[in-house]
Amino acid sequence: MQEATLNQTDNGKVATSDGWYTLHASEAAWFRSERFGTLCRFEGEARFPDLGINLRVLEPGQPACLYHRESAQEDFYVVSGECLLIIEGEERPLRAGHFIHCPAETVHVLVGAGEGPCAIIAVGHRPAKHELWYPVDETAARHNASTATETPDPAVAYAGAQRGPTKPVWPLP
């Protein structure tokens, strides 16, 4: 297997070919959303076909995404700070060192909490047929993490949400 090509963009380095590579978070492409925090995508221009992995930094009160379930496993590791896990309609406070396992069809979202930023590593399986569902949920809505209308379509769920390039959050808080 060849080494992938990493190209420098205005937003950081991104892989532009297949192959193996190493990439430091301080050099990778980062994106920011006022609503959904800051995201480091190690995957480059094309998403990895089998396994997604991202680094997310959330301020207190920022959800990482919208409350959802999917047809594939997802796992999370809280690297630093505190967050709130909303899972199957229940709230669970978490802190650095917590691991979260979400088997397929588990409804969930993470929301920043505490006094400062929270850093989370997210890893998820990407099957050939990947299905999503965004339910309306009262608990998630209290944290600005619920869609207004139930839908399987991310474009509908995230309508109006914007994200743009930003500087790396490094070192992690």
N, C-alpha and C. Protein backbone atom coordinates (compact mmCIF):
# COMPACT_ATOMS: atom_id res chain seq x y z
N MET A 1 0.86 -1.19 0.00
CA MET A 1 0.00 0.00 0.00
C MET A 1 0.89 1.23 0.00
N GLN A 2 0.54 2.18 -0.84
CA GLN A 2 1.30 3.42 -0.96
C GLN A 2 0.87 4.43 0.10
N GLU A 3 1.73 5.40 0.34
CA GLU A 3 1.39 6.51 1.22
C GLU A 3 0.47 7.46 0.45
N ALA A 4 -0.57 7.96 1.13
CA ALA A 4 -1.50 8.91 0.51
C ALA A 4 -0.83 10.26 0.34
N THR A 5 -1.36 11.05 -0.56
CA THR A 5 -0.91 12.43 -0.75
C THR A 5 -1.71 13.33 0.18
N LEU A 6 -1.01 14.15 0.95
CA LEU A 6 -1.65 15.15 1.80
C LEU A 6 -1.40 16.51 1.18
N ASN A 7 -2.46 17.22 0.88
CA ASN A 7 -2.34 18.56 0.30
C ASN A 7 -2.73 19.61 1.32
N GLN A 8 -1.99 20.70 1.32
CA GLN A 8 -2.30 21.83 2.19
C GLN A 8 -3.41 22.65 1.57
N THR A 9 -4.48 22.89 2.31
CA THR A 9 -5.56 23.76 1.88
C THR A 9 -5.57 24.98 2.80
N ASP A 10 -6.43 25.92 2.53
CA ASP A 10 -6.57 27.09 3.40
C ASP A 10 -7.02 26.67 4.80
N ASN A 11 -7.59 25.49 4.89
CA ASN A 11 -8.19 25.00 6.12
C ASN A 11 -7.35 23.96 6.84
N GLY A 12 -6.24 23.54 6.26
CA GLY A 12 -5.41 22.50 6.85
C GLY A 12 -5.11 21.42 5.83
N LYS A 13 -4.35 20.43 6.25
CA LYS A 13 -3.99 19.34 5.33
C LYS A 13 -5.13 18.34 5.20
N VAL A 14 -5.31 17.85 3.95
CA VAL A 14 -6.32 16.82 3.69
C VAL A 14 -5.72 15.77 2.76
N ALA A 15 -6.11 14.53 2.99
CA ALA A 15 -5.68 13.44 2.11
C ALA A 15 -6.43 13.56 0.80
N THR A 16 -5.70 13.47 -0.31
CA THR A 16 -6.32 13.60 -1.63
C THR A 16 -6.12 12.36 -2.49
N SER A 17 -5.60 11.30 -1.89
CA SER A 17 -5.46 10.03 -2.60
C SER A 17 -5.60 8.89 -1.60
N ASP A 18 -5.77 7.69 -2.12
CA ASP A 18 -5.85 6.52 -1.25
C ASP A 18 -4.48 6.19 -0.71
N GLY A 19 -4.46 5.49 0.41
CA GLY A 19 -3.20 5.04 1.00
C GLY A 19 -3.14 5.38 2.47
N TRP A 20 -2.06 4.96 3.08
CA TRP A 20 -1.88 5.22 4.51
C TRP A 20 -1.29 6.62 4.69
N TYR A 21 -1.50 7.18 5.87
CA TYR A 21 -0.88 8.47 6.19
C TYR A 21 -0.92 8.73 7.69
N THR A 22 -0.10 9.65 8.11
CA THR A 22 -0.17 10.17 9.47
C THR A 22 -0.49 11.65 9.36
N LEU A 23 -1.25 12.14 10.31
CA LEU A 23 -1.66 13.54 10.28
C LEU A 23 -1.85 14.02 11.71
N HIS A 24 -1.13 15.04 12.09
CA HIS A 24 -1.28 15.60 13.43
C HIS A 24 -2.52 16.50 13.46
N ALA A 25 -3.26 16.46 14.55
CA ALA A 25 -4.48 17.26 14.67
C ALA A 25 -4.23 18.75 14.47
N SER A 26 -3.05 19.23 14.82
CA SER A 26 -2.76 20.66 14.66
C SER A 26 -2.59 21.05 13.19
N GLU A 27 -2.43 20.07 12.29
CA GLU A 27 -2.26 20.34 10.86
C GLU A 27 -3.47 19.95 10.02
N ALA A 28 -4.41 19.23 10.63
CA ALA A 28 -5.58 18.72 9.90
C ALA A 28 -6.61 19.82 9.65
N ALA A 29 -7.56 19.53 8.78
CA ALA A 29 -8.65 20.46 8.49
C ALA A 29 -9.65 20.46 9.64
N TRP A 30 -9.99 21.64 10.10
CA TRP A 30 -10.96 21.83 11.18
C TRP A 30 -12.11 22.69 10.67
N PHE A 31 -13.31 22.44 11.22
CA PHE A 31 -14.51 23.18 10.85
C PHE A 31 -15.23 23.61 12.12
N ARG A 32 -15.93 24.73 12.03
CA ARG A 32 -16.66 25.25 13.20
C ARG A 32 -18.10 25.57 12.84
N SER A 33 -18.98 25.22 13.76
CA SER A 33 -20.39 25.58 13.68
C SER A 33 -20.75 26.24 15.00
N GLU A 34 -21.41 27.38 14.94
CA GLU A 34 -21.83 28.05 16.17
C GLU A 34 -22.69 27.12 17.02
N ARG A 35 -23.53 26.33 16.38
CA ARG A 35 -24.44 25.44 17.11
C ARG A 35 -23.78 24.13 17.52
N PHE A 36 -22.94 23.54 16.64
CA PHE A 36 -22.46 22.18 16.87
C PHE A 36 -20.97 22.07 17.19
N GLY A 37 -20.32 23.14 17.56
CA GLY A 37 -18.94 23.07 18.00
C GLY A 37 -17.92 22.97 16.88
N THR A 38 -16.74 22.50 17.24
CA THR A 38 -15.60 22.45 16.33
C THR A 38 -15.26 20.99 16.03
N LEU A 39 -14.96 20.71 14.76
CA LEU A 39 -14.76 19.35 14.29
C LEU A 39 -13.45 19.23 13.53
N CYS A 40 -12.67 18.21 13.86
CA CYS A 40 -11.46 17.86 13.11
C CYS A 40 -11.78 16.60 12.31
N ARG A 41 -11.69 16.72 10.97
CA ARG A 41 -11.94 15.57 10.10
C ARG A 41 -10.61 15.03 9.60
N PHE A 42 -10.22 13.91 10.13
CA PHE A 42 -8.97 13.28 9.70
C PHE A 42 -9.11 12.60 8.35
N GLU A 43 -10.32 12.47 7.85
CA GLU A 43 -10.59 11.65 6.68
C GLU A 43 -10.25 12.27 5.34
N GLY A 44 -10.06 13.55 5.27
CA GLY A 44 -9.72 14.16 4.01
C GLY A 44 -10.92 14.42 3.13
N GLU A 45 -10.69 14.54 1.81
CA GLU A 45 -11.76 14.89 0.88
C GLU A 45 -12.84 13.83 0.77
N ALA A 46 -12.45 12.59 0.83
CA ALA A 46 -13.42 11.49 0.78
C ALA A 46 -13.50 10.85 2.16
N ARG A 47 -14.70 10.53 2.59
CA ARG A 47 -14.84 9.86 3.88
C ARG A 47 -14.28 8.45 3.79
N PHE A 48 -13.74 7.95 4.90
CA PHE A 48 -13.28 6.57 4.91
C PHE A 48 -14.48 5.65 4.65
N PRO A 49 -14.31 4.60 3.86
CA PRO A 49 -15.46 3.77 3.49
C PRO A 49 -15.97 2.85 4.61
N ASP A 50 -15.12 2.48 5.56
CA ASP A 50 -15.51 1.48 6.55
C ASP A 50 -15.67 2.02 7.97
N LEU A 51 -14.89 3.03 8.30
CA LEU A 51 -14.84 3.50 9.68
C LEU A 51 -14.66 5.01 9.70
N GLY A 52 -15.57 5.70 10.35
CA GLY A 52 -15.43 7.15 10.50
C GLY A 52 -14.75 7.47 11.81
N ILE A 53 -13.89 8.47 11.82
CA ILE A 53 -13.25 8.90 13.05
C ILE A 53 -13.05 10.41 13.00
N ASN A 54 -13.53 11.06 14.05
CA ASN A 54 -13.46 12.51 14.12
C ASN A 54 -13.13 12.94 15.55
N LEU A 55 -12.66 14.15 15.66
CA LEU A 55 -12.39 14.77 16.95
C LEU A 55 -13.29 15.98 17.05
N ARG A 56 -14.03 16.09 18.13
CA ARG A 56 -14.99 17.18 18.29
C ARG A 56 -14.67 17.91 19.59
N VAL A 57 -14.72 19.25 19.53
CA VAL A 57 -14.55 20.08 20.72
C VAL A 57 -15.83 20.88 20.88
N LEU A 58 -16.44 20.75 22.07
CA LEU A 58 -17.72 21.39 22.37
C LEU A 58 -17.57 22.35 23.53
N GLU A 59 -18.18 23.50 23.41
CA GLU A 59 -18.30 24.43 24.53
C GLU A 59 -19.52 24.01 25.34
N PRO A 60 -19.61 24.42 26.62
CA PRO A 60 -20.80 24.08 27.40
C PRO A 60 -22.08 24.50 26.68
N GLY A 61 -23.02 23.57 26.59
CA GLY A 61 -24.30 23.82 25.94
C GLY A 61 -24.33 23.50 24.46
N GLN A 62 -23.21 23.24 23.84
CA GLN A 62 -23.20 22.90 22.40
C GLN A 62 -23.39 21.41 22.19
N PRO A 63 -24.42 21.01 21.42
CA PRO A 63 -24.53 19.60 21.06
C PRO A 63 -23.54 19.27 19.93
N ALA A 64 -23.06 18.04 19.90
CA ALA A 64 -22.14 17.61 18.84
C ALA A 64 -22.87 17.45 17.51
N CYS A 65 -24.16 17.16 17.58
CA CYS A 65 -24.99 16.92 16.40
C CYS A 65 -26.43 16.95 16.87
N LEU A 66 -27.34 16.44 16.07
CA LEU A 66 -28.72 16.29 16.49
C LEU A 66 -28.96 14.88 17.02
N TYR A 67 -29.87 14.77 17.95
CA TYR A 67 -30.26 13.50 18.55
C TYR A 67 -30.68 12.57 17.42
N HIS A 68 -30.07 11.38 17.37
CA HIS A 68 -30.32 10.49 16.24
C HIS A 68 -30.01 9.04 16.60
N ARG A 69 -30.43 8.17 15.71
CA ARG A 69 -30.01 6.76 15.76
C ARG A 69 -29.59 6.40 14.36
N GLU A 70 -28.76 5.40 14.27
CA GLU A 70 -28.33 4.94 12.95
C GLU A 70 -28.17 3.44 12.93
N SER A 71 -28.06 2.90 11.74
CA SER A 71 -28.03 1.45 11.55
C SER A 71 -26.63 0.88 11.74
N ALA A 72 -25.75 1.65 12.38
CA ALA A 72 -24.37 1.20 12.59
C ALA A 72 -23.91 1.61 13.97
N GLN A 73 -22.95 0.87 14.47
CA GLN A 73 -22.35 1.14 15.77
C GLN A 73 -21.58 2.46 15.77
N GLU A 74 -21.65 3.17 16.89
CA GLU A 74 -20.82 4.35 17.12
C GLU A 74 -20.26 4.26 18.53
N ASP A 75 -19.04 4.75 18.71
CA ASP A 75 -18.43 4.79 20.02
C ASP A 75 -17.76 6.14 20.23
N PHE A 76 -17.66 6.55 21.49
CA PHE A 76 -17.12 7.86 21.81
C PHE A 76 -16.20 7.74 23.03
N TYR A 77 -15.18 8.59 23.05
CA TYR A 77 -14.29 8.65 24.21
C TYR A 77 -14.11 10.12 24.58
N VAL A 78 -14.41 10.45 25.83
CA VAL A 78 -14.26 11.82 26.32
C VAL A 78 -12.80 12.01 26.71
N VAL A 79 -12.09 12.80 25.91
CA VAL A 79 -10.65 13.03 26.11
C VAL A 79 -10.41 14.04 27.23
N SER A 80 -11.20 15.13 27.23
CA SER A 80 -11.03 16.16 28.26
C SER A 80 -12.36 16.86 28.50
N GLY A 81 -12.48 17.47 29.65
CA GLY A 81 -13.67 18.24 29.99
C GLY A 81 -14.84 17.38 30.41
N GLU A 82 -16.02 17.99 30.33
CA GLU A 82 -17.27 17.34 30.74
C GLU A 82 -18.30 17.48 29.64
N CYS A 83 -19.19 16.50 29.56
CA CYS A 83 -20.30 16.57 28.62
C CYS A 83 -21.50 15.84 29.20
N LEU A 84 -22.61 16.00 28.54
CA LEU A 84 -23.84 15.33 28.92
C LEU A 84 -24.20 14.38 27.78
N LEU A 85 -24.42 13.12 28.10
CA LEU A 85 -24.90 12.14 27.13
C LEU A 85 -26.41 12.06 27.26
N ILE A 86 -27.12 12.26 26.17
CA ILE A 86 -28.56 12.01 26.13
C ILE A 86 -28.71 10.74 25.31
N ILE A 87 -29.17 9.69 25.96
CA ILE A 87 -29.24 8.38 25.32
C ILE A 87 -30.57 7.72 25.67
N GLU A 88 -31.32 7.34 24.65
CA GLU A 88 -32.63 6.71 24.83
C GLU A 88 -33.51 7.54 25.78
N GLY A 89 -33.44 8.88 25.63
CA GLY A 89 -34.28 9.79 26.41
C GLY A 89 -33.78 10.09 27.81
N GLU A 90 -32.64 9.51 28.21
CA GLU A 90 -32.09 9.73 29.55
C GLU A 90 -30.83 10.59 29.47
N GLU A 91 -30.56 11.35 30.53
CA GLU A 91 -29.35 12.16 30.63
C GLU A 91 -28.32 11.47 31.52
N ARG A 92 -27.06 11.47 31.07
CA ARG A 92 -25.97 10.91 31.85
C ARG A 92 -24.79 11.88 31.82
N PRO A 93 -24.38 12.43 32.97
CA PRO A 93 -23.21 13.31 32.98
C PRO A 93 -21.93 12.49 32.81
N LEU A 94 -21.01 12.99 31.99
CA LEU A 94 -19.75 12.30 31.72
C LEU A 94 -18.59 13.26 31.90
N ARG A 95 -17.40 12.71 32.10
CA ARG A 95 -16.18 13.52 32.21
C ARG A 95 -15.04 12.80 31.51
N ALA A 96 -13.90 13.47 31.43
CA ALA A 96 -12.72 12.88 30.79
C ALA A 96 -12.50 11.46 31.29
N GLY A 97 -12.24 10.56 30.34
CA GLY A 97 -12.02 9.16 30.66
C GLY A 97 -13.23 8.27 30.41
N HIS A 98 -14.42 8.86 30.26
CA HIS A 98 -15.61 8.05 29.99
C HIS A 98 -15.60 7.56 28.54
N PHE A 99 -16.03 6.32 28.37
CA PHE A 99 -16.23 5.69 27.07
C PHE A 99 -17.71 5.43 26.90
N ILE A 100 -18.24 5.66 25.71
CA ILE A 100 -19.65 5.44 25.41
C ILE A 100 -19.74 4.49 24.22
N HIS A 101 -20.49 3.41 24.38
CA HIS A 101 -20.72 2.46 23.30
C HIS A 101 -22.19 2.55 22.90
N CYS A 102 -22.45 2.82 21.63
CA CYS A 102 -23.82 2.89 21.10
C CYS A 102 -23.98 1.83 20.02
N PRO A 103 -24.58 0.69 20.36
CA PRO A 103 -24.86 -0.29 19.32
C PRO A 103 -25.80 0.33 18.27
N ALA A 104 -25.88 -0.28 17.13
CA ALA A 104 -26.81 0.18 16.09
C ALA A 104 -28.20 0.37 16.69
N GLU A 105 -28.90 1.41 16.23
CA GLU A 105 -30.27 1.74 16.63
C GLU A 105 -30.39 2.37 18.01
N THR A 106 -29.29 2.79 18.62
CA THR A 106 -29.31 3.49 19.90
C THR A 106 -29.45 4.99 19.64
N VAL A 107 -30.47 5.61 20.19
CA VAL A 107 -30.70 7.04 19.99
C VAL A 107 -29.83 7.81 20.99
N HIS A 108 -29.06 8.80 20.46
CA HIS A 108 -28.08 9.46 21.32
C HIS A 108 -27.63 10.81 20.78
N VAL A 109 -27.01 11.59 21.66
CA VAL A 109 -26.30 12.83 21.32
C VAL A 109 -25.45 13.21 22.52
N LEU A 110 -24.33 13.88 22.28
CA LEU A 110 -23.48 14.42 23.33
C LEU A 110 -23.57 15.94 23.31
N VAL A 111 -23.59 16.55 24.49
CA VAL A 111 -23.69 18.00 24.63
C VAL A 111 -22.60 18.46 25.59
N GLY A 112 -21.86 19.50 25.20
CA GLY A 112 -20.84 20.05 26.09
C GLY A 112 -21.44 20.49 27.41
N ALA A 113 -20.68 20.34 28.50
CA ALA A 113 -21.17 20.70 29.83
C ALA A 113 -19.98 21.21 30.66
N GLY A 114 -20.23 21.51 31.91
CA GLY A 114 -19.16 21.94 32.80
C GLY A 114 -18.80 23.40 32.61
N GLU A 115 -17.57 23.73 33.00
CA GLU A 115 -17.10 25.12 32.99
C GLU A 115 -16.31 25.50 31.74
N GLY A 116 -15.91 24.51 30.93
CA GLY A 116 -15.08 24.82 29.77
C GLY A 116 -15.28 23.81 28.67
N PRO A 117 -14.40 23.85 27.66
CA PRO A 117 -14.55 22.95 26.51
C PRO A 117 -14.41 21.47 26.87
N CYS A 118 -14.98 20.66 26.02
CA CYS A 118 -14.93 19.21 26.13
C CYS A 118 -14.43 18.66 24.80
N ALA A 119 -13.47 17.75 24.83
CA ALA A 119 -12.96 17.12 23.60
C ALA A 119 -13.39 15.66 23.58
N ILE A 120 -13.93 15.23 22.44
CA ILE A 120 -14.48 13.89 22.29
C ILE A 120 -13.98 13.27 20.99
N ILE A 121 -13.54 12.03 21.05
CA ILE A 121 -13.21 11.26 19.86
C ILE A 121 -14.44 10.41 19.51
N ALA A 122 -14.88 10.49 18.26
CA ALA A 122 -16.03 9.72 17.79
C ALA A 122 -15.57 8.74 16.72
N VAL A 123 -16.01 7.49 16.85
CA VAL A 123 -15.66 6.44 15.90
C VAL A 123 -16.94 5.71 15.53
N GLY A 124 -17.15 5.47 14.23
CA GLY A 124 -18.35 4.78 13.83
C GLY A 124 -18.15 3.90 12.61
N HIS A 125 -18.87 2.79 12.60
CA HIS A 125 -18.86 1.86 11.48
C HIS A 125 -19.66 2.46 10.33
N ARG A 126 -19.25 2.19 9.11
CA ARG A 126 -19.95 2.68 7.92
C ARG A 126 -20.32 1.50 7.02
N PRO A 127 -21.46 0.90 7.26
CA PRO A 127 -21.87 -0.22 6.40
C PRO A 127 -22.32 0.30 5.04
N ALA A 128 -22.40 -0.60 4.09
CA ALA A 128 -22.81 -0.23 2.73
C ALA A 128 -24.19 0.42 2.73
N LYS A 129 -25.10 -0.13 3.50
CA LYS A 129 -26.44 0.45 3.61
C LYS A 129 -26.54 1.09 4.99
N HIS A 130 -26.40 2.40 5.04
CA HIS A 130 -26.37 3.15 6.30
C HIS A 130 -27.64 3.98 6.41
N GLU A 131 -28.43 3.74 7.45
CA GLU A 131 -29.68 4.45 7.62
C GLU A 131 -29.63 5.30 8.89
N LEU A 132 -30.21 6.49 8.81
CA LEU A 132 -30.28 7.41 9.94
C LEU A 132 -31.74 7.72 10.26
N TRP A 133 -32.00 8.09 11.52
CA TRP A 133 -33.32 8.56 11.91
C TRP A 133 -33.13 9.64 12.97
N TYR A 134 -33.78 10.78 12.76
CA TYR A 134 -33.73 11.90 13.68
C TYR A 134 -35.11 12.06 14.31
N PRO A 135 -35.31 11.55 15.54
CA PRO A 135 -36.61 11.70 16.19
C PRO A 135 -36.71 13.05 16.91
N VAL A 136 -37.93 13.51 17.12
CA VAL A 136 -38.17 14.66 17.98
C VAL A 136 -38.13 14.13 19.41
N ASP A 137 -37.38 14.81 20.28
CA ASP A 137 -37.24 14.33 21.65
C ASP A 137 -37.21 15.52 22.61
N GLU A 138 -38.05 15.46 23.63
CA GLU A 138 -38.18 16.54 24.61
C GLU A 138 -36.88 16.77 25.39
N THR A 139 -36.24 15.69 25.83
CA THR A 139 -34.99 15.83 26.58
C THR A 139 -33.91 16.46 25.72
N ALA A 140 -33.75 15.99 24.49
CA ALA A 140 -32.76 16.56 23.58
C ALA A 140 -33.11 18.01 23.24
N ALA A 141 -34.39 18.31 23.08
CA ALA A 141 -34.82 19.67 22.74
C ALA A 141 -34.43 20.66 23.83
N ARG A 142 -34.44 20.25 25.10
CA ARG A 142 -34.03 21.15 26.20
C ARG A 142 -32.57 21.57 26.06
N HIS A 143 -31.80 20.80 25.27
CA HIS A 143 -30.38 21.09 25.07
C HIS A 143 -30.09 21.52 23.63
N ASN A 144 -31.12 21.96 22.90
CA ASN A 144 -30.96 22.43 21.51
C ASN A 144 -30.39 21.34 20.61
N ALA A 145 -30.75 20.08 20.89
CA ALA A 145 -30.17 18.95 20.16
C ALA A 145 -31.22 18.08 19.47
N SER A 146 -32.45 18.57 19.36
CA SER A 146 -33.50 17.80 18.69
C SER A 146 -33.89 18.49 17.39
N THR A 147 -34.21 17.68 16.40
CA THR A 147 -34.75 18.23 15.17
C THR A 147 -36.20 18.68 15.42
N ALA A 148 -36.70 19.57 14.61
CA ALA A 148 -38.07 20.06 14.77
C ALA A 148 -39.09 19.06 14.24
N THR A 149 -38.68 18.27 13.23
CA THR A 149 -39.57 17.31 12.58
C THR A 149 -38.84 15.98 12.42
N GLU A 150 -39.47 14.88 12.78
CA GLU A 150 -38.84 13.58 12.60
C GLU A 150 -38.52 13.35 11.13
N THR A 151 -37.32 12.81 10.88
CA THR A 151 -36.92 12.60 9.49
C THR A 151 -35.75 11.61 9.41
N PRO A 152 -35.65 10.88 8.29
CA PRO A 152 -34.47 10.06 8.05
C PRO A 152 -33.41 10.82 7.24
N ASP A 153 -33.72 12.05 6.85
CA ASP A 153 -32.88 12.81 5.93
C ASP A 153 -32.03 13.84 6.65
N PRO A 154 -30.70 13.66 6.68
CA PRO A 154 -29.84 14.64 7.34
C PRO A 154 -30.00 16.06 6.78
N ALA A 155 -30.26 16.18 5.48
CA ALA A 155 -30.42 17.51 4.87
C ALA A 155 -31.63 18.23 5.46
N VAL A 156 -32.68 17.50 5.75
CA VAL A 156 -33.87 18.08 6.37
C VAL A 156 -33.58 18.39 7.84
N ALA A 157 -32.98 17.44 8.55
CA ALA A 157 -32.69 17.64 9.98
C ALA A 157 -31.78 18.84 10.21
N TYR A 158 -30.77 19.01 9.37
CA TYR A 158 -29.78 20.06 9.56
C TYR A 158 -30.02 21.29 8.67
N ALA A 159 -31.21 21.43 8.12
CA ALA A 159 -31.50 22.57 7.24
C ALA A 159 -31.17 23.87 7.97
N GLY A 160 -30.38 24.70 7.32
CA GLY A 160 -30.00 25.99 7.89
C GLY A 160 -28.74 25.96 8.74
N ALA A 161 -28.31 24.79 9.15
CA ALA A 161 -27.08 24.70 9.95
C ALA A 161 -25.89 24.94 9.03
N GLN A 162 -24.96 25.73 9.48
CA GLN A 162 -23.79 26.04 8.67
C GLN A 162 -22.52 25.74 9.46
N ARG A 163 -21.47 25.39 8.71
CA ARG A 163 -20.16 25.26 9.33
C ARG A 163 -19.15 25.78 8.34
N GLY A 164 -18.08 26.30 8.87
CA GLY A 164 -17.04 26.84 8.02
C GLY A 164 -15.68 26.49 8.56
N PRO A 165 -14.65 26.75 7.78
CA PRO A 165 -13.30 26.43 8.22
C PRO A 165 -12.91 27.25 9.45
N THR A 166 -12.03 26.70 10.24
CA THR A 166 -11.52 27.38 11.43
C THR A 166 -10.12 26.91 11.73
N LYS A 167 -9.45 27.57 12.63
CA LYS A 167 -8.11 27.17 13.05
C LYS A 167 -8.19 25.94 13.95
N PRO A 168 -7.14 25.14 13.99
CA PRO A 168 -7.14 23.96 14.85
C PRO A 168 -7.29 24.32 16.33
N VAL A 169 -7.98 23.46 17.03
CA VAL A 169 -8.09 23.56 18.49
C VAL A 169 -6.98 22.64 19.02
N TRP A 170 -5.80 23.19 19.14
CA TRP A 170 -4.65 22.39 19.58
C TRP A 170 -3.68 23.27 20.31
N PRO A 171 -3.16 22.86 21.47
CA PRO A 171 -3.47 21.58 22.11
C PRO A 171 -4.91 21.53 22.61
N LEU A 172 -5.39 20.34 22.85
CA LEU A 172 -6.78 20.17 23.28
C LEU A 172 -6.96 20.81 24.64
N PRO A 173 -8.17 21.34 24.88
CA PRO A 173 -8.45 21.95 26.19
C PRO A 173 -8.48 20.91 27.29
